[in-house]
Amino acid sequence: QVQLAESGGGSVQAGDSLRLSCVASGHTYKTQVTEWFRQAPGKEREVVAGIYWTSGVTFYADSVKGRFTISRILGKNTVYLQMDSLKPEDTAVYYCTADEKDWGQGIQVTVSS
């Protein structure tokens, strides 16, 4: 099992930036891919971005391409989500997940216009 702890959320204005962090502990050596999901009020949880630990290959939802960047630090079991040019529609609770099996508690991101 992998434990995940998110940090870095908050309330910002449209156009601002935030960086979310996800620190993993436990059986991290088994993790193949770490993803960020988000869930806005009244909507289903959706994938935002992901990164494969071994190759570093990344993928993004169309809605965030060019604005969000996911990266990892291998030695620190840490994944970052750099979010630039934030929009009100990015407002959601953001979750970090390891292989979509283990999930963090989630962290609120609020973007006001």
PDB file of N, CA and C in Angstrom:
ATOM      1  N   GLN A   1       0.847  -1.195   0.000  1.00  0.00           N
ATOM      2  CA  GLN A   1       0.000   0.000   0.000  1.00  0.00           C
ATOM      3  C   GLN A   1       0.884   1.246   0.000  1.00  0.00           C
ATOM      4  N   VAL A   2       0.382   2.276  -0.682  1.00  0.00           N
ATOM      5  CA  VAL A   2       1.109   3.544  -0.773  1.00  0.00           C
ATOM      6  C   VAL A   2       0.278   4.628  -0.101  1.00  0.00           C
ATOM      7  N   GLN A   3       0.929   5.403   0.730  1.00  0.00           N
ATOM      8  CA  GLN A   3       0.270   6.553   1.341  1.00  0.00           C
ATOM      9  C   GLN A   3       0.675   7.809   0.572  1.00  0.00           C
ATOM     10  N   LEU A   4      -0.297   8.685   0.332  1.00  0.00           N
ATOM     11  CA  LEU A   4      -0.061   9.875  -0.469  1.00  0.00           C
ATOM     12  C   LEU A   4      -0.532  11.104   0.295  1.00  0.00           C
ATOM     13  N   ALA A   5       0.289  12.136   0.290  1.00  0.00           N
ATOM     14  CA  ALA A   5      -0.051  13.377   0.987  1.00  0.00           C
ATOM     15  C   ALA A   5       0.092  14.547   0.024  1.00  0.00           C
ATOM     16  N   GLU A   6      -1.025  15.233  -0.211  1.00  0.00           N
ATOM     17  CA  GLU A   6      -1.017  16.389  -1.109  1.00  0.00           C
ATOM     18  C   GLU A   6      -0.838  17.677  -0.309  1.00  0.00           C
ATOM     19  N   SER A   7      -0.247  18.654  -0.960  1.00  0.00           N
ATOM     20  CA  SER A   7      -0.126  19.988  -0.358  1.00  0.00           C
ATOM     21  C   SER A   7      -0.021  21.018  -1.471  1.00  0.00           C
ATOM     22  N   GLY A   8      -0.190  22.284  -1.102  1.00  0.00           N
ATOM     23  CA  GLY A   8       0.014  23.360  -2.055  1.00  0.00           C
ATOM     24  C   GLY A   8      -1.242  23.999  -2.611  1.00  0.00           C
ATOM     25  N   GLY A   9      -2.400  23.531  -2.211  1.00  0.00           N
ATOM     26  CA  GLY A   9      -3.632  24.120  -2.727  1.00  0.00           C
ATOM     27  C   GLY A   9      -3.893  25.485  -2.122  1.00  0.00           C
ATOM     28  N   GLY A  10      -5.010  26.077  -2.530  1.00  0.00           N
ATOM     29  CA  GLY A  10      -5.377  27.372  -1.973  1.00  0.00           C
ATOM     30  C   GLY A  10      -6.338  28.103  -2.875  1.00  0.00           C
ATOM     31  N   SER A  11      -6.510  29.389  -2.580  1.00  0.00           N
ATOM     32  CA  SER A  11      -7.407  30.247  -3.346  1.00  0.00           C
ATOM     33  C   SER A  11      -6.584  31.302  -4.074  1.00  0.00           C
ATOM     34  N   VAL A  12      -6.807  31.401  -5.376  1.00  0.00           N
ATOM     35  CA  VAL A  12      -6.061  32.348  -6.195  1.00  0.00           C
ATOM     36  C   VAL A  12      -7.004  33.034  -7.170  1.00  0.00           C
ATOM     37  N   GLN A  13      -6.459  34.032  -7.866  1.00  0.00           N
ATOM     38  CA  GLN A  13      -7.200  34.729  -8.911  1.00  0.00           C
ATOM     39  C   GLN A  13      -6.919  34.072 -10.256  1.00  0.00           C
ATOM     40  N   ALA A  14      -7.847  34.263 -11.181  1.00  0.00           N
ATOM     41  CA  ALA A  14      -7.648  33.763 -12.541  1.00  0.00           C
ATOM     42  C   ALA A  14      -6.343  34.329 -13.106  1.00  0.00           C
ATOM     43  N   GLY A  15      -5.582  33.455 -13.764  1.00  0.00           N
ATOM     44  CA  GLY A  15      -4.307  33.857 -14.319  1.00  0.00           C
ATOM     45  C   GLY A  15      -3.120  33.576 -13.409  1.00  0.00           C
ATOM     46  N   ASP A  16      -3.393  33.292 -12.143  1.00  0.00           N
ATOM     47  CA  ASP A  16      -2.318  32.998 -11.191  1.00  0.00           C
ATOM     48  C   ASP A  16      -1.817  31.563 -11.356  1.00  0.00           C
ATOM     49  N   SER A  17      -0.819  31.239 -10.556  1.00  0.00           N
ATOM     50  CA  SER A  17      -0.232  29.903 -10.586  1.00  0.00           C
ATOM     51  C   SER A  17      -0.257  29.273  -9.196  1.00  0.00           C
ATOM     52  N   LEU A  18      -0.269  27.959  -9.178  1.00  0.00           N
ATOM     53  CA  LEU A  18      -0.128  27.178  -7.960  1.00  0.00           C
ATOM     54  C   LEU A  18       0.702  25.948  -8.285  1.00  0.00           C
ATOM     55  N   ARG A  19       1.395  25.436  -7.285  1.00  0.00           N
ATOM     56  CA  ARG A  19       2.091  24.169  -7.458  1.00  0.00           C
ATOM     57  C   ARG A  19       1.628  23.201  -6.381  1.00  0.00           C
ATOM     58  N   LEU A  20       1.063  22.103  -6.826  1.00  0.00           N
ATOM     59  CA  LEU A  20       0.657  21.046  -5.914  1.00  0.00           C
ATOM     60  C   LEU A  20       1.781  20.032  -5.771  1.00  0.00           C
ATOM     61  N   SER A  21       1.914  19.503  -4.562  1.00  0.00           N
ATOM     62  CA  SER A  21       2.906  18.473  -4.297  1.00  0.00           C
ATOM     63  C   SER A  21       2.208  17.217  -3.803  1.00  0.00           C
ATOM     64  N   CYS A  22       2.762  16.086  -4.167  1.00  0.00           N
ATOM     65  CA  CYS A  22       2.259  14.794  -3.704  1.00  0.00           C
ATOM     66  C   CYS A  22       3.465  13.979  -3.260  1.00  0.00           C
ATOM     67  N   VAL A  23       3.514  13.690  -1.964  1.00  0.00           N
ATOM     68  CA  VAL A  23       4.615  12.904  -1.421  1.00  0.00           C
ATOM     69  C   VAL A  23       4.113  11.509  -1.097  1.00  0.00           C
ATOM     70  N   ALA A  24       4.795  10.510  -1.629  1.00  0.00           N
ATOM     71  CA  ALA A  24       4.388   9.123  -1.443  1.00  0.00           C
ATOM     72  C   ALA A  24       5.276   8.429  -0.420  1.00  0.00           C
ATOM     73  N   SER A  25       4.682   7.527   0.329  1.00  0.00           N
ATOM     74  CA  SER A  25       5.432   6.707   1.279  1.00  0.00           C
ATOM     75  C   SER A  25       4.824   5.309   1.277  1.00  0.00           C
ATOM     76  N   GLY A  26       5.536   4.378   1.861  1.00  0.00           N
ATOM     77  CA  GLY A  26       5.064   3.000   1.873  1.00  0.00           C
ATOM     78  C   GLY A  26       5.705   2.223   0.729  1.00  0.00           C
ATOM     79  N   HIS A  27       4.940   1.368   0.111  1.00  0.00           N
ATOM     80  CA  HIS A  27       5.455   0.492  -0.949  1.00  0.00           C
ATOM     81  C   HIS A  27       5.517   1.218  -2.298  1.00  0.00           C
ATOM     82  N   THR A  28       6.264   2.301  -2.308  1.00  0.00           N
ATOM     83  CA  THR A  28       6.314   3.145  -3.496  1.00  0.00           C
ATOM     84  C   THR A  28       6.999   2.476  -4.671  1.00  0.00           C
ATOM     85  N   TYR A  29       7.840   1.470  -4.397  1.00  0.00           N
ATOM     86  CA  TYR A  29       8.586   0.825  -5.472  1.00  0.00           C
ATOM     87  C   TYR A  29       7.656   0.097  -6.444  1.00  0.00           C
ATOM     88  N   LYS A  30       6.420  -0.163  -6.024  1.00  0.00           N
ATOM     89  CA  LYS A  30       5.470  -0.869  -6.882  1.00  0.00           C
ATOM     90  C   LYS A  30       4.731   0.070  -7.826  1.00  0.00           C
ATOM     91  N   THR A  31       4.799   1.366  -7.554  1.00  0.00           N
ATOM     92  CA  THR A  31       4.004   2.314  -8.322  1.00  0.00           C
ATOM     93  C   THR A  31       4.522   2.445  -9.741  1.00  0.00           C
ATOM     94  N   GLN A  32       3.616   2.336 -10.711  1.00  0.00           N
ATOM     95  CA  GLN A  32       3.984   2.514 -12.114  1.00  0.00           C
ATOM     96  C   GLN A  32       3.654   3.913 -12.622  1.00  0.00           C
ATOM     97  N   VAL A  33       2.527   4.419 -12.203  1.00  0.00           N
ATOM     98  CA  VAL A  33       2.127   5.739 -12.680  1.00  0.00           C
ATOM     99  C   VAL A  33       1.456   6.514 -11.551  1.00  0.00           C
ATOM    100  N   THR A  34       1.791   7.775 -11.455  1.00  0.00           N
ATOM    101  CA  THR A  34       1.139   8.668 -10.508  1.00  0.00           C
ATOM    102  C   THR A  34       0.338   9.689 -11.295  1.00  0.00           C
ATOM    103  N   GLU A  35      -0.880   9.874 -10.889  1.00  0.00           N
ATOM    104  CA  GLU A  35      -1.778  10.791 -11.600  1.00  0.00           C
ATOM    105  C   GLU A  35      -2.376  11.818 -10.630  1.00  0.00           C
ATOM    106  N   TRP A  36      -2.762  12.922 -11.206  1.00  0.00           N
ATOM    107  CA  TRP A  36      -3.579  13.903 -10.518  1.00  0.00           C
ATOM    108  C   TRP A  36      -4.978  13.853 -11.129  1.00  0.00           C
ATOM    109  N   PHE A  37      -5.961  13.714 -10.279  1.00  0.00           N
ATOM    110  CA  PHE A  37      -7.359  13.806 -10.660  1.00  0.00           C
ATOM    111  C   PHE A  37      -7.943  15.047  -9.995  1.00  0.00           C
ATOM    112  N   ARG A  38      -9.085  15.470 -10.454  1.00  0.00           N
ATOM    113  CA  ARG A  38      -9.803  16.545  -9.784  1.00  0.00           C
ATOM    114  C   ARG A  38     -11.299  16.273  -9.852  1.00  0.00           C
ATOM    115  N   GLN A  39     -11.988  16.833  -8.880  1.00  0.00           N
ATOM    116  CA  GLN A  39     -13.439  16.699  -8.845  1.00  0.00           C
ATOM    117  C   GLN A  39     -14.046  18.035  -8.440  1.00  0.00           C
ATOM    118  N   ALA A  40     -14.817  18.582  -9.343  1.00  0.00           N
ATOM    119  CA  ALA A  40     -15.522  19.827  -9.080  1.00  0.00           C
ATOM    120  C   ALA A  40     -16.906  19.511  -8.527  1.00  0.00           C
ATOM    121  N   PRO A  41     -17.509  20.438  -7.815  1.00  0.00           N
ATOM    122  CA  PRO A  41     -18.843  20.191  -7.252  1.00  0.00           C
ATOM    123  C   PRO A  41     -19.832  19.779  -8.319  1.00  0.00           C
ATOM    124  N   GLY A  42     -20.534  18.677  -8.079  1.00  0.00           N
ATOM    125  CA  GLY A  42     -21.551  18.217  -9.010  1.00  0.00           C
ATOM    126  C   GLY A  42     -21.023  17.518 -10.237  1.00  0.00           C
ATOM    127  N   LYS A  43     -19.710  17.326 -10.308  1.00  0.00           N
ATOM    128  CA  LYS A  43     -19.120  16.672 -11.473  1.00  0.00           C
ATOM    129  C   LYS A  43     -18.377  15.414 -11.065  1.00  0.00           C
ATOM    130  N   GLU A  44     -18.123  14.570 -12.052  1.00  0.00           N
ATOM    131  CA  GLU A  44     -17.381  13.351 -11.776  1.00  0.00           C
ATOM    132  C   GLU A  44     -15.879  13.653 -11.686  1.00  0.00           C
ATOM    133  N   ARG A  45     -15.189  12.771 -10.981  1.00  0.00           N
ATOM    134  CA  ARG A  45     -13.741  12.909 -10.887  1.00  0.00           C
ATOM    135  C   ARG A  45     -13.121  12.667 -12.255  1.00  0.00           C
ATOM    136  N   GLU A  46     -12.162  13.493 -12.636  1.00  0.00           N
ATOM    137  CA  GLU A  46     -11.535  13.376 -13.944  1.00  0.00           C
ATOM    138  C   GLU A  46     -10.016  13.443 -13.809  1.00  0.00           C
ATOM    139  N   VAL A  47      -9.347  12.752 -14.716  1.00  0.00           N
ATOM    140  CA  VAL A  47      -7.886  12.782 -14.704  1.00  0.00           C
ATOM    141  C   VAL A  47      -7.409  14.113 -15.265  1.00  0.00           C
ATOM    142  N   VAL A  48      -6.391  14.652 -14.632  1.00  0.00           N
ATOM    143  CA  VAL A  48      -5.798  15.923 -15.055  1.00  0.00           C
ATOM    144  C   VAL A  48      -4.467  15.685 -15.748  1.00  0.00           C
ATOM    145  N   ALA A  49      -3.607  14.899 -15.114  1.00  0.00           N
ATOM    146  CA  ALA A  49      -2.281  14.628 -15.659  1.00  0.00           C
ATOM    147  C   ALA A  49      -1.716  13.394 -14.987  1.00  0.00           C
ATOM    148  N   GLY A  50      -0.725  12.790 -15.639  1.00  0.00           N
ATOM    149  CA  GLY A  50      -0.085  11.622 -15.069  1.00  0.00           C
ATOM    150  C   GLY A  50       1.355  11.511 -15.519  1.00  0.00           C
ATOM    151  N   ILE A  51       2.136  10.755 -14.748  1.00  0.00           N
ATOM    152  CA  ILE A  51       3.537  10.551 -15.091  1.00  0.00           C
ATOM    153  C   ILE A  51       3.943   9.134 -14.721  1.00  0.00           C
ATOM    154  N   TYR A  52       4.651   8.471 -15.626  1.00  0.00           N
ATOM    155  CA  TYR A  52       5.166   7.135 -15.371  1.00  0.00           C
ATOM    156  C   TYR A  52       6.514   7.264 -14.680  1.00  0.00           C
ATOM    157  N   TRP A  53       6.660   6.558 -13.562  1.00  0.00           N
ATOM    158  CA  TRP A  53       7.842   6.731 -12.727  1.00  0.00           C
ATOM    159  C   TRP A  53       9.123   6.340 -13.438  1.00  0.00           C
ATOM    160  N   THR A  54       9.103   5.235 -14.162  1.00  0.00           N
ATOM    161  CA  THR A  54      10.339   4.735 -14.750  1.00  0.00           C
ATOM    162  C   THR A  54      10.778   5.568 -15.964  1.00  0.00           C
ATOM    163  N   SER A  55       9.860   5.817 -16.858  1.00  0.00           N
ATOM    164  CA  SER A  55      10.206   6.482 -18.111  1.00  0.00           C
ATOM    165  C   SER A  55      10.105   8.000 -18.031  1.00  0.00           C
ATOM    166  N   GLY A  56       9.279   8.490 -17.121  1.00  0.00           N
ATOM    167  CA  GLY A  56       9.033   9.920 -17.053  1.00  0.00           C
ATOM    168  C   GLY A  56       8.040  10.414 -18.079  1.00  0.00           C
ATOM    169  N   VAL A  57       7.441   9.493 -18.839  1.00  0.00           N
ATOM    170  CA  VAL A  57       6.448   9.887 -19.828  1.00  0.00           C
ATOM    171  C   VAL A  57       5.245  10.509 -19.131  1.00  0.00           C
ATOM    172  N   THR A  58       4.758  11.597 -19.709  1.00  0.00           N
ATOM    173  CA  THR A  58       3.644  12.324 -19.108  1.00  0.00           C
ATOM    174  C   THR A  58       2.444  12.366 -20.034  1.00  0.00           C
ATOM    175  N   PHE A  59       1.279  12.615 -19.480  1.00  0.00           N
ATOM    176  CA  PHE A  59       0.076  12.805 -20.281  1.00  0.00           C
ATOM    177  C   PHE A  59      -0.826  13.791 -19.551  1.00  0.00           C
ATOM    178  N   TYR A  60      -1.672  14.450 -20.339  1.00  0.00           N
ATOM    179  CA  TYR A  60      -2.515  15.524 -19.798  1.00  0.00           C
ATOM    180  C   TYR A  60      -3.913  15.481 -20.384  1.00  0.00           C
ATOM    181  N   ALA A  61      -4.854  15.962 -19.618  1.00  0.00           N
ATOM    182  CA  ALA A  61      -6.188  16.191 -20.156  1.00  0.00           C
ATOM    183  C   ALA A  61      -6.108  17.365 -21.128  1.00  0.00           C
ATOM    184  N   ASP A  62      -6.936  17.339 -22.151  1.00  0.00           N
ATOM    185  CA  ASP A  62      -6.916  18.415 -23.138  1.00  0.00           C
ATOM    186  C   ASP A  62      -7.156  19.773 -22.497  1.00  0.00           C
ATOM    187  N   SER A  63      -7.968  19.793 -21.457  1.00  0.00           N
ATOM    188  CA  SER A  63      -8.350  21.053 -20.832  1.00  0.00           C
ATOM    189  C   SER A  63      -7.187  21.748 -20.113  1.00  0.00           C
ATOM    190  N   VAL A  64      -6.119  21.018 -19.846  1.00  0.00           N
ATOM    191  CA  VAL A  64      -4.997  21.627 -19.114  1.00  0.00           C
ATOM    192  C   VAL A  64      -3.695  21.639 -19.906  1.00  0.00           C
ATOM    193  N   LYS A  65      -3.696  21.069 -21.091  1.00  0.00           N
ATOM    194  CA  LYS A  65      -2.474  21.030 -21.900  1.00  0.00           C
ATOM    195  C   LYS A  65      -1.965  22.440 -22.158  1.00  0.00           C
ATOM    196  N   GLY A  66      -0.664  22.614 -21.977  1.00  0.00           N
ATOM    197  CA  GLY A  66      -0.069  23.930 -22.183  1.00  0.00           C
ATOM    198  C   GLY A  66      -0.128  24.822 -20.963  1.00  0.00           C
ATOM    199  N   ARG A  67      -0.908  24.435 -19.949  1.00  0.00           N
ATOM    200  CA  ARG A  67      -1.010  25.256 -18.740  1.00  0.00           C
ATOM    201  C   ARG A  67      -0.468  24.537 -17.513  1.00  0.00           C
ATOM    202  N   PHE A  68      -0.642  23.219 -17.470  1.00  0.00           N
ATOM    203  CA  PHE A  68      -0.202  22.419 -16.323  1.00  0.00           C
ATOM    204  C   PHE A  68       1.004  21.580 -16.726  1.00  0.00           C
ATOM    205  N   THR A  69       1.893  21.370 -15.768  1.00  0.00           N
ATOM    206  CA  THR A  69       3.061  20.532 -15.984  1.00  0.00           C
ATOM    207  C   THR A  69       3.233  19.596 -14.804  1.00  0.00           C
ATOM    208  N   ILE A  70       3.327  18.309 -15.101  1.00  0.00           N
ATOM    209  CA  ILE A  70       3.553  17.319 -14.057  1.00  0.00           C
ATOM    210  C   ILE A  70       5.010  16.889 -14.111  1.00  0.00           C
ATOM    211  N   SER A  71       5.607  16.692 -12.947  1.00  0.00           N
ATOM    212  CA  SER A  71       7.000  16.270 -12.887  1.00  0.00           C
ATOM    213  C   SER A  71       7.210  15.440 -11.626  1.00  0.00           C
ATOM    214  N   ARG A  72       8.349  14.770 -11.564  1.00  0.00           N
ATOM    215  CA  ARG A  72       8.614  13.920 -10.410  1.00  0.00           C
ATOM    216  C   ARG A  72      10.059  14.074  -9.967  1.00  0.00           C
ATOM    217  N   ILE A  73      10.298  13.799  -8.697  1.00  0.00           N
ATOM    218  CA  ILE A  73      11.652  13.695  -8.157  1.00  0.00           C
ATOM    219  C   ILE A  73      11.788  12.285  -7.615  1.00  0.00           C
ATOM    220  N   LEU A  74      12.569  11.466  -8.294  1.00  0.00           N
ATOM    221  CA  LEU A  74      12.645  10.053  -7.955  1.00  0.00           C
ATOM    222  C   LEU A  74      13.125   9.818  -6.528  1.00  0.00           C
ATOM    223  N   GLY A  75      14.165  10.443  -6.128  1.00  0.00           N
ATOM    224  CA  GLY A  75      14.749  10.193  -4.823  1.00  0.00           C
ATOM    225  C   GLY A  75      13.892  10.643  -3.662  1.00  0.00           C
ATOM    226  N   LYS A  76      12.898  11.488  -3.942  1.00  0.00           N
ATOM    227  CA  LYS A  76      12.045  12.010  -2.881  1.00  0.00           C
ATOM    228  C   LYS A  76      10.617  11.500  -2.978  1.00  0.00           C
ATOM    229  N   ASN A  77      10.360  10.584  -3.932  1.00  0.00           N
ATOM    230  CA  ASN A  77       8.999  10.041  -4.112  1.00  0.00           C
ATOM    231  C   ASN A  77       7.963  11.164  -4.161  1.00  0.00           C
ATOM    232  N   THR A  78       8.295  12.185  -4.874  1.00  0.00           N
ATOM    233  CA  THR A  78       7.452  13.370  -4.932  1.00  0.00           C
ATOM    234  C   THR A  78       7.047  13.665  -6.373  1.00  0.00           C
ATOM    235  N   VAL A  79       5.785  13.993  -6.535  1.00  0.00           N
ATOM    236  CA  VAL A  79       5.263  14.413  -7.827  1.00  0.00           C
ATOM    237  C   VAL A  79       4.676  15.812  -7.669  1.00  0.00           C
ATOM    238  N   TYR A  80       4.993  16.663  -8.615  1.00  0.00           N
ATOM    239  CA  TYR A  80       4.475  18.024  -8.599  1.00  0.00           C
ATOM    240  C   TYR A  80       3.484  18.233  -9.736  1.00  0.00           C
ATOM    241  N   LEU A  81       2.553  19.124  -9.507  1.00  0.00           N
ATOM    242  CA  LEU A  81       1.672  19.589 -10.577  1.00  0.00           C
ATOM    243  C   LEU A  81       1.756  21.108 -10.574  1.00  0.00           C
ATOM    244  N   GLN A  82       2.495  21.638 -11.537  1.00  0.00           N
ATOM    245  CA  GLN A  82       2.603  23.079 -11.696  1.00  0.00           C
ATOM    246  C   GLN A  82       1.419  23.543 -12.527  1.00  0.00           C
ATOM    247  N   MET A  83       0.633  24.434 -11.954  1.00  0.00           N
ATOM    248  CA  MET A  83      -0.581  24.899 -12.620  1.00  0.00           C
ATOM    249  C   MET A  83      -0.444  26.389 -12.894  1.00  0.00           C
ATOM    250  N   ASP A  84      -0.363  26.735 -14.161  1.00  0.00           N
ATOM    251  CA  ASP A  84      -0.236  28.133 -14.574  1.00  0.00           C
ATOM    252  C   ASP A  84      -1.494  28.574 -15.307  1.00  0.00           C
ATOM    253  N   SER A  85      -1.636  29.885 -15.426  1.00  0.00           N
ATOM    254  CA  SER A  85      -2.792  30.456 -16.134  1.00  0.00           C
ATOM    255  C   SER A  85      -4.095  29.824 -15.662  1.00  0.00           C
ATOM    256  N   LEU A  86      -4.253  29.768 -14.371  1.00  0.00           N
ATOM    257  CA  LEU A  86      -5.427  29.112 -13.800  1.00  0.00           C
ATOM    258  C   LEU A  86      -6.714  29.825 -14.194  1.00  0.00           C
ATOM    259  N   LYS A  87      -7.762  29.023 -14.352  1.00  0.00           N
ATOM    260  CA  LYS A  87      -9.071  29.521 -14.743  1.00  0.00           C
ATOM    261  C   LYS A  87     -10.093  29.144 -13.669  1.00  0.00           C
ATOM    262  N   PRO A  88     -11.189  29.861 -13.592  1.00  0.00           N
ATOM    263  CA  PRO A  88     -12.221  29.486 -12.618  1.00  0.00           C
ATOM    264  C   PRO A  88     -12.688  28.038 -12.766  1.00  0.00           C
ATOM    265  N   GLU A  89     -12.698  27.540 -13.990  1.00  0.00           N
ATOM    266  CA  GLU A  89     -13.131  26.156 -14.199  1.00  0.00           C
ATOM    267  C   GLU A  89     -12.118  25.122 -13.703  1.00  0.00           C
ATOM    268  N   ASP A  90     -10.956  25.562 -13.252  1.00  0.00           N
ATOM    269  CA  ASP A  90     -10.000  24.660 -12.625  1.00  0.00           C
ATOM    270  C   ASP A  90     -10.317  24.432 -11.149  1.00  0.00           C
ATOM    271  N   THR A  91     -11.288  25.158 -10.646  1.00  0.00           N
ATOM    272  CA  THR A  91     -11.687  25.005  -9.247  1.00  0.00           C
ATOM    273  C   THR A  91     -12.188  23.591  -8.996  1.00  0.00           C
ATOM    274  N   ALA A  92     -11.583  22.927  -8.029  1.00  0.00           N
ATOM    275  CA  ALA A  92     -11.935  21.540  -7.731  1.00  0.00           C
ATOM    276  C   ALA A  92     -11.112  21.064  -6.536  1.00  0.00           C
ATOM    277  N   VAL A  93     -11.460  19.882  -6.069  1.00  0.00           N
ATOM    278  CA  VAL A  93     -10.582  19.179  -5.138  1.00  0.00           C
ATOM    279  C   VAL A  93      -9.661  18.307  -5.987  1.00  0.00           C
ATOM    280  N   TYR A  94      -8.360  18.444  -5.756  1.00  0.00           N
ATOM    281  CA  TYR A  94      -7.369  17.707  -6.530  1.00  0.00           C
ATOM    282  C   TYR A  94      -6.837  16.538  -5.704  1.00  0.00           C
ATOM    283  N   TYR A  95      -6.771  15.379  -6.363  1.00  0.00           N
ATOM    284  CA  TYR A  95      -6.328  14.155  -5.708  1.00  0.00           C
ATOM    285  C   TYR A  95      -5.102  13.589  -6.410  1.00  0.00           C
ATOM    286  N   CYS A  96      -4.193  13.087  -5.631  1.00  0.00           N
ATOM    287  CA  CYS A  96      -3.044  12.356  -6.140  1.00  0.00           C
ATOM    288  C   CYS A  96      -3.333  10.865  -5.981  1.00  0.00           C
ATOM    289  N   THR A  97      -2.963  10.076  -6.973  1.00  0.00           N
ATOM    290  CA  THR A  97      -3.200   8.647  -6.891  1.00  0.00           C
ATOM    291  C   THR A  97      -2.024   7.868  -7.458  1.00  0.00           C
ATOM    292  N   ALA A  98      -1.776   6.711  -6.845  1.00  0.00           N
ATOM    293  CA  ALA A  98      -0.746   5.796  -7.320  1.00  0.00           C
ATOM    294  C   ALA A  98      -1.440   4.619  -7.992  1.00  0.00           C
ATOM    295  N   ASP A  99      -1.308   4.544  -9.293  1.00  0.00           N
ATOM    296  CA  ASP A  99      -1.900   3.453 -10.084  1.00  0.00           C
ATOM    297  C   ASP A  99      -3.416   3.359  -9.911  1.00  0.00           C
ATOM    298  N   GLU A 100      -4.012   4.455  -9.498  1.00  0.00           N
ATOM    299  CA  GLU A 100      -5.458   4.516  -9.265  1.00  0.00           C
ATOM    300  C   GLU A 100      -5.906   3.464  -8.257  1.00  0.00           C
ATOM    301  N   LYS A 101      -4.974   3.065  -7.401  1.00  0.00           N
ATOM    302  CA  LYS A 101      -5.287   2.115  -6.348  1.00  0.00           C
ATOM    303  C   LYS A 101      -5.268   2.782  -4.984  1.00  0.00           C
ATOM    304  N   ASP A 102      -4.276   3.615  -4.783  1.00  0.00           N
ATOM    305  CA  ASP A 102      -4.145   4.350  -3.529  1.00  0.00           C
ATOM    306  C   ASP A 102      -4.337   5.826  -3.832  1.00  0.00           C
ATOM    307  N   TRP A 103      -5.058   6.508  -2.921  1.00  0.00           N
ATOM    308  CA  TRP A 103      -5.437   7.899  -3.156  1.00  0.00           C
ATOM    309  C   TRP A 103      -5.083   8.760  -1.957  1.00  0.00           C
ATOM    310  N   GLY A 104      -4.754  10.007  -2.241  1.00  0.00           N
ATOM    311  CA  GLY A 104      -4.571  10.968  -1.178  1.00  0.00           C
ATOM    312  C   GLY A 104      -5.922  11.483  -0.711  1.00  0.00           C
ATOM    313  N   GLN A 105      -5.889  12.346   0.288  1.00  0.00           N
ATOM    314  CA  GLN A 105      -7.122  12.886   0.865  1.00  0.00           C
ATOM    315  C   GLN A 105      -7.746  13.965  -0.007  1.00  0.00           C
ATOM    316  N   GLY A 106      -6.956  14.541  -0.853  1.00  0.00           N
ATOM    317  CA  GLY A 106      -7.460  15.611  -1.704  1.00  0.00           C
ATOM    318  C   GLY A 106      -7.132  16.974  -1.137  1.00  0.00           C
ATOM    319  N   ILE A 107      -7.031  17.955  -2.030  1.00  0.00           N
ATOM    320  CA  ILE A 107      -6.712  19.305  -1.608  1.00  0.00           C
ATOM    321  C   ILE A 107      -7.497  20.282  -2.473  1.00  0.00           C
ATOM    322  N   GLN A 108      -8.018  21.314  -1.836  1.00  0.00           N
ATOM    323  CA  GLN A 108      -8.886  22.255  -2.537  1.00  0.00           C
ATOM    324  C   GLN A 108      -8.064  23.286  -3.303  1.00  0.00           C
ATOM    325  N   VAL A 109      -8.491  23.522  -4.544  1.00  0.00           N
ATOM    326  CA  VAL A 109      -7.969  24.615  -5.365  1.00  0.00           C
ATOM    327  C   VAL A 109      -9.170  25.446  -5.803  1.00  0.00           C
ATOM    328  N   THR A 110      -9.131  26.719  -5.480  1.00  0.00           N
ATOM    329  CA  THR A 110     -10.223  27.620  -5.837  1.00  0.00           C
ATOM    330  C   THR A 110      -9.655  28.780  -6.647  1.00  0.00           C
ATOM    331  N   VAL A 111     -10.235  28.989  -7.826  1.00  0.00           N
ATOM    332  CA  VAL A 111      -9.791  30.059  -8.711  1.00  0.00           C
ATOM    333  C   VAL A 111     -10.967  31.000  -8.935  1.00  0.00           C
ATOM    334  N   SER A 112     -10.786  32.234  -8.555  1.00  0.00           N
ATOM    335  CA  SER A 112     -11.857  33.211  -8.710  1.00  0.00           C
ATOM    336  C   SER A 112     -11.555  34.139  -9.887  1.00  0.00           C
ATOM    337  N   SER A 113     -12.619  34.629 -10.484  1.00  0.00           N
ATOM    338  CA  SER A 113     -12.464  35.483 -11.676  1.00  0.00           C
ATOM    339  C   SER A 113     -12.310  36.946 -11.293  1.00  0.00           C
TER     340      SER A 113
END
